[in-house]
Amino acid sequence: MYGHLPKVPVAARKLKAAAKKALDARAYAYVAGGAGDEVTQRANEAAFEKWAVVPRVLRDVSSRDTSVELFGRRIPAPLLLGPVGALELVHAEADRAVARAAAATGVPMVFSNQASFPMEECAAVMGDSPRWFQLYWSTSDELVESLLSRAEASGCDAVVVTLDTTMLGWRPRDLDLGHLPFALGKGIAQYTSDPVFRRLVEARAAQAGPREPQPRPTPAAVRALVGMAKAWPGSFRDNLRSPLPRAAVETFLAIYSRPSITWDDLAWLRSRTRLPILLKGVLHPDDARQALDAGVDGIVVSTHGGRQVDRSISALDALPEVLGAVAGRVPVLLDSGIRSGADVFTAVALGATAVLLGRPFAWGLALGGADGVRQVIEDVVAEFDLTLGLTGHTAVDQLSPDVLRRV
């Protein structure tokens, strides 16, 4: 009646296209990009098109319940906001805006380990709304313990250990632009706010000898130094003269991830937190079985949004075998390729307990801040609710592979 239009485009492709126009080349490439020729990223989306829904009619669907229970908490839909790093590239309020949107909808947010604001600041705007924490397993055990302790103190319900990014994948879009946000001090707020990390930085700066002569500064180098100075706590003016901001970036790049972790290390992690532990990046059924043997509390089937291994099996194609190996003993979530409520429906019908949404909410953030994220969440949940009802169902637990047909 009043002529009000959505704050951001509703259709997934239009949302992405609008965000591309709004963002600079580096920001868009970082979020949109995948590994190699991006075959895995395309496969993640194409996998959903292999399944067709078979609607049923003449069923009373006037009252529907889209909620599910995860780790003792009832959430409004089988949907979480997955961890997306360096969100300051797309919006100044970054993770804080996402936290506000998540709290407004009741959908859990997974705090990124590579966030632009500390988890404590995001938790402060969320009230009692559910939140989880993503852990990148650092080479510093003391730092891992500190991050876990902070996650518990911030009210997180679970820890999602990212196993598919022990090394950064081959990402041509970023490489062509010579861009790594963490090297510019972006996306490292969980670290610069951590007392253990800051101590490691101070020790590195104190031990550093004279630096080799540097090339003549370029405008890009000046911008990089300014970014580093802004990322380090304290006076910006003082940070410009201090060795600590640069040492922080160097320390982060040296210790952020540990490629040497093995199944034997999970017992140590289990002993360091009371929170449920989920392993993210599981694609093989044998890995799922080994995860259960190690006592994990959940699994996230994920290709890291196609950002790590090109020509990997898609997450949705890997889901059935992982579910068969797990046999209902722990929740199995799906990440990678989710763009719409129809995608959520397909993943849940195939057996996923819930899904993690990634790029779409980042596009909403780029275009509309917290309001944009909120609309994307509400759009996905609304479409899921409609698909549930229009196919003759009234609750999530009624869904099974029987409602689908392989195309």
Protein backbone atom coordinates (compact mmCIF):
# COMPACT_ATOMS: atom_id res chain seq x y z
CA MET A 1 0.00 0.00 0.00
CA TYR A 2 2.70 2.47 0.97
CA GLY A 3 5.07 1.62 -1.83
CA HIS A 4 7.83 0.35 0.46
CA LEU A 5 10.34 -1.94 -1.23
CA PRO A 6 12.74 -4.46 0.31
CA LYS A 7 15.96 -2.92 1.65
CA VAL A 8 18.03 -5.39 -0.38
CA PRO A 9 17.15 -7.59 -3.37
CA VAL A 10 15.24 -10.74 -2.40
CA ALA A 11 16.50 -13.10 -5.12
CA ALA A 12 19.93 -14.57 -4.38
CA ARG A 13 21.45 -13.74 -7.77
CA LYS A 14 20.21 -10.15 -7.72
CA LEU A 15 21.47 -9.76 -4.14
CA LYS A 16 24.96 -10.84 -5.19
CA ALA A 17 24.90 -8.63 -8.30
CA ALA A 18 23.86 -5.57 -6.29
CA ALA A 19 26.60 -6.20 -3.74
CA LYS A 20 29.17 -6.47 -6.51
CA LYS A 21 28.21 -2.99 -7.72
CA ALA A 22 28.41 -1.58 -4.19
CA LEU A 23 31.77 -3.07 -3.16
CA ASP A 24 35.28 -2.31 -4.31
CA ALA A 25 37.09 -4.99 -6.29
CA ARG A 26 39.11 -6.37 -3.37
CA ALA A 27 36.16 -6.68 -1.01
CA TYR A 28 33.97 -8.38 -3.59
CA ALA A 29 36.73 -10.76 -4.68
CA TYR A 30 37.48 -11.77 -1.11
CA VAL A 31 33.88 -12.74 -0.34
CA ALA A 32 32.89 -14.08 -3.75
CA GLY A 33 36.07 -15.90 -4.60
CA GLY A 34 36.78 -19.62 -4.43
CA ALA A 35 39.72 -21.94 -4.91
CA GLY A 36 41.27 -22.43 -8.33
CA ASP A 37 38.80 -22.28 -11.20
CA GLU A 38 35.97 -22.27 -8.63
CA VAL A 39 34.67 -25.65 -9.78
CA THR A 40 33.89 -26.63 -6.19
CA GLN A 41 31.99 -23.42 -5.55
CA ARG A 42 29.83 -23.98 -8.62
CA ALA A 43 29.38 -27.65 -7.70
CA ASN A 44 28.11 -26.68 -4.25
CA GLU A 45 25.28 -24.71 -5.83
CA ALA A 46 24.63 -27.13 -8.69
CA ALA A 47 24.26 -30.03 -6.25
CA PHE A 48 20.96 -28.57 -5.02
CA GLU A 49 19.60 -28.56 -8.56
CA LYS A 50 19.95 -32.35 -8.71
CA TRP A 51 17.07 -32.68 -6.28
CA ALA A 52 13.39 -31.97 -6.90
CA VAL A 53 10.70 -31.61 -4.24
CA VAL A 54 7.48 -33.62 -4.57
CA PRO A 55 4.68 -31.51 -3.03
CA ARG A 56 1.72 -33.19 -1.33
CA VAL A 57 -1.77 -31.69 -1.21
CA LEU A 58 -4.96 -31.67 0.87
CA ARG A 59 -3.09 -31.60 4.15
CA ASP A 60 -3.82 -29.09 6.89
CA VAL A 61 -0.77 -26.84 6.89
CA SER A 62 -2.43 -23.80 8.43
CA SER A 63 -0.13 -23.96 11.45
CA ARG A 64 3.58 -24.66 10.98
CA ASP A 65 6.63 -24.90 13.23
CA THR A 66 10.02 -24.27 11.60
CA SER A 67 12.02 -24.53 14.83
CA VAL A 68 14.61 -27.17 15.74
CA GLU A 69 16.61 -27.98 18.86
CA LEU A 70 20.40 -27.85 18.92
CA PHE A 71 22.43 -28.60 22.04
CA GLY A 72 19.51 -27.99 24.34
CA ARG A 73 18.38 -24.72 22.78
CA ARG A 74 15.32 -24.26 20.57
CA ILE A 75 16.11 -22.05 17.56
CA PRO A 76 13.52 -20.58 15.15
CA ALA A 77 14.66 -22.46 12.04
CA PRO A 78 17.33 -24.98 11.02
CA LEU A 79 19.59 -22.06 10.15
CA LEU A 80 22.72 -20.46 11.58
CA LEU A 81 24.89 -17.62 10.31
CA GLY A 82 28.20 -19.20 9.44
CA PRO A 83 31.55 -17.59 10.27
CA VAL A 84 32.73 -15.09 7.65
CA GLY A 85 36.05 -13.38 8.26
CA ALA A 86 37.21 -9.81 7.63
CA LEU A 87 33.68 -8.42 7.29
CA GLU A 88 35.01 -4.89 7.73
CA LEU A 89 35.82 -5.17 4.01
CA VAL A 90 32.11 -4.95 3.24
CA HIS A 91 30.73 -2.76 6.05
CA ALA A 92 32.24 -0.65 8.83
CA GLU A 93 30.05 -2.25 11.52
CA ALA A 94 31.02 -5.73 10.29
CA ASP A 95 30.39 -8.45 12.89
CA ARG A 96 28.57 -6.10 15.24
CA ALA A 97 25.91 -5.45 12.62
CA VAL A 98 25.58 -9.19 11.96
CA ALA A 99 25.23 -9.80 15.70
CA ARG A 100 22.39 -7.28 15.93
CA ALA A 101 20.57 -8.92 13.04
CA ALA A 102 21.07 -12.38 14.49
CA ALA A 103 19.73 -11.25 17.85
CA ALA A 104 16.70 -9.61 16.22
CA THR A 105 15.76 -12.86 14.49
CA GLY A 106 16.88 -15.38 17.10
CA VAL A 107 19.04 -17.18 14.56
CA PRO A 108 22.42 -18.26 16.02
CA MET A 109 25.56 -16.50 14.85
CA VAL A 110 28.87 -18.31 14.68
CA PHE A 111 31.51 -15.77 15.70
CA SER A 112 34.38 -15.88 13.22
CA ASN A 113 37.85 -16.44 14.60
CA GLN A 114 38.95 -13.96 11.92
CA ALA A 115 36.44 -11.31 12.96
CA SER A 116 36.67 -7.54 12.69
CA PHE A 117 35.29 -7.00 16.20
CA PRO A 118 36.06 -9.02 19.34
CA MET A 119 33.54 -11.67 20.36
CA GLU A 120 32.84 -9.80 23.59
CA GLU A 121 31.58 -6.74 21.68
CA CYS A 122 29.31 -8.89 19.53
CA ALA A 123 27.99 -10.81 22.53
CA ALA A 124 27.20 -7.52 24.26
CA VAL A 125 24.66 -6.56 21.58
CA MET A 126 23.05 -10.02 21.42
CA GLY A 127 21.52 -10.34 24.87
CA ASP A 128 20.46 -13.97 25.40
CA SER A 129 20.36 -14.75 21.68
CA PRO A 130 22.34 -17.89 20.76
CA ARG A 131 25.91 -17.66 19.52
CA TRP A 132 28.71 -20.14 18.74
CA PHE A 133 32.44 -19.66 18.22
CA GLN A 134 34.58 -20.77 15.30
CA LEU A 135 38.10 -21.87 16.25
CA TYR A 136 41.13 -21.80 14.00
CA TRP A 137 43.59 -24.08 15.78
CA SER A 138 46.64 -21.89 16.40
CA THR A 139 50.20 -23.11 16.82
CA SER A 140 50.01 -21.56 20.30
CA ASP A 141 48.20 -23.86 22.72
CA GLU A 142 48.00 -21.02 25.21
CA LEU A 143 46.20 -18.85 22.66
CA VAL A 144 43.74 -21.66 21.87
CA GLU A 145 42.97 -22.00 25.57
CA SER A 146 42.47 -18.25 25.89
CA LEU A 147 40.09 -18.13 22.91
CA LEU A 148 38.07 -21.05 24.29
CA SER A 149 37.86 -19.41 27.69
CA ARG A 150 36.65 -16.17 26.13
CA ALA A 151 34.06 -18.04 24.07
CA GLU A 152 32.67 -19.62 27.23
CA ALA A 153 32.63 -16.27 29.03
CA SER A 154 30.87 -14.70 26.01
CA GLY A 155 27.98 -17.14 26.32
CA CYS A 156 28.76 -19.30 23.30
CA ASP A 157 26.80 -22.55 23.08
CA ALA A 158 29.34 -24.50 21.01
CA VAL A 159 32.77 -24.42 19.36
CA VAL A 160 33.14 -25.10 15.64
CA VAL A 161 36.69 -26.23 14.85
CA THR A 162 37.57 -25.34 11.26
CA LEU A 163 39.69 -28.18 9.88
CA ASP A 164 39.57 -27.39 6.16
CA THR A 165 41.69 -24.24 6.40
CA THR A 166 44.90 -25.30 8.11
CA MET A 167 46.46 -23.55 5.10
CA LEU A 168 44.84 -20.91 2.89
CA GLY A 169 43.64 -22.32 -0.43
CA TRP A 170 44.75 -21.19 -3.88
CA ARG A 171 42.47 -18.20 -4.51
CA PRO A 172 43.19 -16.55 -7.87
CA ARG A 173 40.82 -13.60 -7.39
CA ASP A 174 42.74 -12.45 -4.33
CA LEU A 175 46.11 -13.34 -5.84
CA ASP A 176 45.42 -11.30 -8.99
CA LEU A 177 44.67 -8.30 -6.77
CA GLY A 178 47.63 -8.91 -4.46
CA HIS A 179 45.23 -8.93 -1.54
CA LEU A 180 45.26 -10.71 1.81
CA PRO A 181 43.18 -8.73 4.34
CA PHE A 182 44.94 -10.21 7.37
CA ALA A 183 48.28 -8.88 6.13
CA LEU A 184 46.72 -5.41 6.26
CA GLY A 185 45.50 -5.82 9.84
CA LYS A 186 41.91 -6.62 8.85
CA GLY A 187 40.00 -9.52 10.37
CA ILE A 188 42.33 -10.04 13.33
CA ALA A 189 40.28 -8.43 16.12
CA GLN A 190 39.86 -11.72 18.05
CA TYR A 191 43.65 -11.78 18.25
CA THR A 192 44.51 -8.16 19.01
CA SER A 193 41.92 -8.25 21.81
CA ASP A 194 43.42 -11.38 23.35
CA PRO A 195 45.88 -11.04 26.26
CA VAL A 196 47.90 -14.08 25.21
CA PHE A 197 48.25 -12.89 21.62
CA ARG A 198 49.23 -9.40 22.73
CA ARG A 199 51.93 -10.87 24.93
CA LEU A 200 53.23 -12.89 21.96
CA VAL A 201 53.28 -9.73 19.85
CA GLU A 202 55.18 -7.77 22.47
CA ALA A 203 57.72 -10.57 22.76
CA ARG A 204 58.17 -10.67 18.99
CA ALA A 205 58.64 -6.92 18.79
CA ALA A 206 61.17 -6.97 21.65
CA GLN A 207 63.22 -9.72 20.00
CA ALA A 208 63.20 -8.20 16.54
CA GLY A 209 66.58 -7.02 15.33
CA PRO A 210 67.22 -4.17 12.90
CA ARG A 211 65.03 -4.45 9.82
CA GLU A 212 66.55 -4.67 6.38
CA PRO A 213 66.31 -1.50 4.30
CA GLN A 214 62.80 -1.22 2.88
CA PRO A 215 61.85 -0.15 -0.66
CA ARG A 216 60.65 3.37 -1.20
CA PRO A 217 57.12 3.61 0.29
CA THR A 218 54.22 3.41 -2.12
CA PRO A 219 50.69 4.71 -1.47
CA ALA A 220 49.61 1.08 -0.96
CA ALA A 221 52.33 0.57 1.64
CA VAL A 222 51.25 3.70 3.50
CA ARG A 223 47.63 2.52 3.49
CA ALA A 224 48.76 -0.86 4.81
CA LEU A 225 50.66 0.73 7.69
CA VAL A 226 47.65 2.90 8.52
CA GLY A 227 45.43 -0.19 8.54
CA MET A 228 47.80 -2.01 10.86
CA ALA A 229 47.91 0.99 13.20
CA LYS A 230 44.11 1.09 13.34
CA ALA A 231 43.92 -2.63 14.11
CA TRP A 232 46.14 -2.46 17.18
CA PRO A 233 44.55 -1.24 20.45
CA GLY A 234 45.54 2.18 21.74
CA SER A 235 46.25 5.58 20.26
CA PHE A 236 46.36 5.64 16.49
CA ARG A 237 49.05 8.32 16.58
CA ASP A 238 51.21 6.25 18.92
CA ASN A 239 50.60 3.09 16.90
CA LEU A 240 51.95 4.75 13.76
CA ARG A 241 55.32 5.06 15.52
CA SER A 242 55.16 1.70 17.30
CA PRO A 243 56.56 -1.63 16.05
CA LEU A 244 53.61 -3.48 17.63
CA PRO A 245 51.00 -3.15 14.84
CA ARG A 246 53.35 -4.65 12.27
CA ALA A 247 54.50 -7.27 14.76
CA ALA A 248 50.83 -8.17 15.35
CA VAL A 249 50.28 -8.92 11.67
CA GLU A 250 53.51 -10.91 11.48
CA THR A 251 52.59 -12.85 14.62
CA PHE A 252 49.11 -13.62 13.30
CA LEU A 253 50.43 -14.89 9.98
CA ALA A 254 52.96 -17.06 11.80
CA ILE A 255 50.63 -18.73 14.31
CA TYR A 256 47.00 -18.46 13.17
CA SER A 257 46.75 -22.08 12.03
CA ARG A 258 48.46 -25.39 12.74
CA PRO A 259 48.74 -27.75 9.74
CA SER A 260 50.19 -30.47 11.98
CA ILE A 261 47.04 -31.18 14.01
CA THR A 262 45.83 -34.80 13.97
CA TRP A 263 43.06 -36.88 15.53
CA ASP A 264 45.28 -37.37 18.57
CA ASP A 265 45.02 -33.65 19.38
CA LEU A 266 41.24 -33.71 19.87
CA ALA A 267 41.55 -35.18 23.37
CA TRP A 268 43.59 -32.13 24.41
CA LEU A 269 40.95 -29.79 22.97
CA ARG A 270 38.15 -31.72 24.69
CA SER A 271 39.92 -31.29 28.03
CA ARG A 272 40.16 -27.51 27.55
CA THR A 273 36.46 -26.63 27.19
CA ARG A 274 33.09 -27.65 28.56
CA LEU A 275 31.35 -26.54 25.34
CA PRO A 276 30.13 -28.98 22.67
CA ILE A 277 32.73 -29.39 19.92
CA LEU A 278 31.81 -29.66 16.24
CA LEU A 279 34.30 -30.44 13.50
CA LYS A 280 33.84 -28.35 10.34
CA GLY A 281 35.14 -29.54 6.99
CA VAL A 282 34.26 -33.24 7.20
CA LEU A 283 33.46 -34.71 3.76
CA HIS A 284 34.44 -38.38 4.04
CA PRO A 285 32.39 -40.96 5.99
CA ASP A 286 35.53 -42.48 7.53
CA ASP A 287 36.45 -39.08 8.95
CA ALA A 288 32.95 -38.83 10.40
CA ARG A 289 33.36 -42.23 12.10
CA GLN A 290 36.75 -41.23 13.48
CA ALA A 291 35.27 -37.97 14.77
CA LEU A 292 32.65 -39.94 16.70
CA ASP A 293 35.34 -42.23 18.09
CA ALA A 294 37.15 -39.10 19.29
CA GLY A 295 34.02 -38.01 21.17
CA VAL A 296 33.03 -34.92 19.19
CA ASP A 297 29.53 -33.54 19.65
CA GLY A 298 28.69 -32.65 16.06
CA ILE A 299 29.89 -32.45 12.47
CA VAL A 300 29.68 -29.73 9.84
CA VAL A 301 29.86 -31.06 6.28
CA SER A 302 31.62 -28.22 4.48
CA THR A 303 33.93 -27.26 1.62
CA HIS A 304 34.56 -23.85 3.23
CA GLY A 305 32.30 -22.37 0.57
CA GLY A 306 34.51 -23.82 -2.17
CA ARG A 307 37.41 -21.65 -1.02
CA GLN A 308 39.95 -24.34 -0.20
CA VAL A 309 40.14 -27.31 -2.59
CA ASP A 310 39.09 -26.93 -6.19
CA ARG A 311 37.31 -29.92 -7.76
CA SER A 312 36.35 -31.19 -4.31
CA ILE A 313 33.17 -33.16 -3.85
CA SER A 314 30.32 -30.76 -3.12
CA ALA A 315 29.09 -30.52 0.46
CA LEU A 316 25.55 -31.65 -0.41
CA ASP A 317 26.85 -34.66 -2.37
CA ALA A 318 29.02 -35.63 0.61
CA LEU A 319 26.14 -35.31 3.10
CA PRO A 320 24.36 -38.69 2.63
CA GLU A 321 27.44 -40.84 3.25
CA VAL A 322 28.45 -38.76 6.26
CA LEU A 323 24.94 -39.11 7.66
CA GLY A 324 25.12 -42.87 7.11
CA ALA A 325 28.36 -43.06 9.06
CA VAL A 326 27.02 -40.92 11.91
CA ALA A 327 23.71 -42.83 12.10
CA GLY A 328 21.99 -40.16 14.15
CA ARG A 329 24.45 -40.17 17.04
CA VAL A 330 25.31 -36.47 16.79
CA PRO A 331 23.93 -33.48 14.85
CA VAL A 332 25.21 -33.13 11.29
CA LEU A 333 25.08 -29.63 9.83
CA LEU A 334 25.70 -28.53 6.25
CA ASP A 335 27.68 -25.51 5.08
CA SER A 336 28.50 -24.47 1.49
CA GLY A 337 26.07 -23.63 -1.30
CA ILE A 338 23.10 -22.46 0.80
CA ARG A 339 21.46 -19.45 -0.88
CA SER A 340 17.75 -19.74 -0.19
CA GLY A 341 14.98 -21.24 1.90
CA ALA A 342 14.50 -23.88 -0.81
CA ASP A 343 18.15 -24.89 -0.35
CA VAL A 344 17.58 -25.15 3.40
CA PHE A 345 14.56 -27.38 2.75
CA THR A 346 16.54 -29.71 0.48
CA ALA A 347 19.48 -30.03 2.89
CA VAL A 348 17.21 -30.74 5.86
CA ALA A 349 15.13 -33.22 3.87
CA LEU A 350 18.32 -35.09 3.03
CA GLY A 351 19.08 -35.32 6.74
CA ALA A 352 21.01 -32.23 7.83
CA THR A 353 20.05 -31.05 11.31
CA ALA A 354 20.60 -27.45 10.24
CA VAL A 355 22.58 -25.39 7.74
CA LEU A 356 25.02 -22.51 7.88
CA LEU A 357 24.40 -19.46 5.69
CA GLY A 358 27.44 -17.54 4.46
CA ARG A 359 27.82 -15.28 1.45
CA PRO A 360 24.16 -14.18 1.18
CA PHE A 361 24.19 -12.46 4.57
CA ALA A 362 27.54 -10.87 3.72
CA TRP A 363 25.91 -9.37 0.60
CA GLY A 364 23.03 -8.14 2.75
CA LEU A 365 25.54 -6.57 5.13
CA ALA A 366 27.30 -4.81 2.27
CA LEU A 367 24.06 -3.29 1.02
CA GLY A 368 22.13 -2.55 4.18
CA GLY A 369 24.19 -3.13 7.32
CA ALA A 370 22.31 -4.83 10.14
CA ASP A 371 18.97 -4.22 8.40
CA GLY A 372 20.27 -5.88 5.25
CA VAL A 373 21.45 -8.94 7.17
CA ARG A 374 18.16 -9.14 9.01
CA GLN A 375 16.19 -9.07 5.78
CA VAL A 376 18.32 -11.83 4.25
CA ILE A 377 17.73 -14.01 7.31
CA GLU A 378 14.00 -13.33 7.29
CA ASP A 379 13.79 -13.96 3.53
CA VAL A 380 15.51 -17.35 3.84
CA VAL A 381 13.37 -18.39 6.83
CA ALA A 382 10.17 -17.18 5.14
CA GLU A 383 10.88 -19.17 1.99
CA PHE A 384 11.70 -22.23 4.06
CA ASP A 385 8.41 -21.85 5.94
CA LEU A 386 6.44 -21.48 2.71
CA THR A 387 8.18 -24.45 1.12
CA LEU A 388 7.43 -26.50 4.21
CA GLY A 389 3.73 -25.68 4.03
CA LEU A 390 3.34 -25.79 0.26
CA THR A 391 4.79 -29.31 0.18
CA GLY A 392 2.30 -30.51 2.79
CA HIS A 393 4.39 -30.38 5.95
CA THR A 394 3.97 -28.58 9.25
CA ALA A 395 7.20 -29.36 11.13
CA VAL A 396 10.86 -29.90 10.34
CA ASP A 397 10.92 -33.44 11.73
CA GLN A 398 8.45 -34.50 9.03
CA LEU A 399 11.07 -34.01 6.34
CA SER A 400 13.05 -36.95 4.96
CA PRO A 401 14.63 -37.99 1.65
CA ASP A 402 11.22 -39.41 0.71
CA VAL A 403 9.97 -35.89 -0.08
CA LEU A 404 12.67 -35.51 -2.76
CA ARG A 405 13.43 -37.08 -6.10
CA ARG A 406 16.82 -37.20 -7.77
CA VAL A 407 16.64 -35.31 -11.07
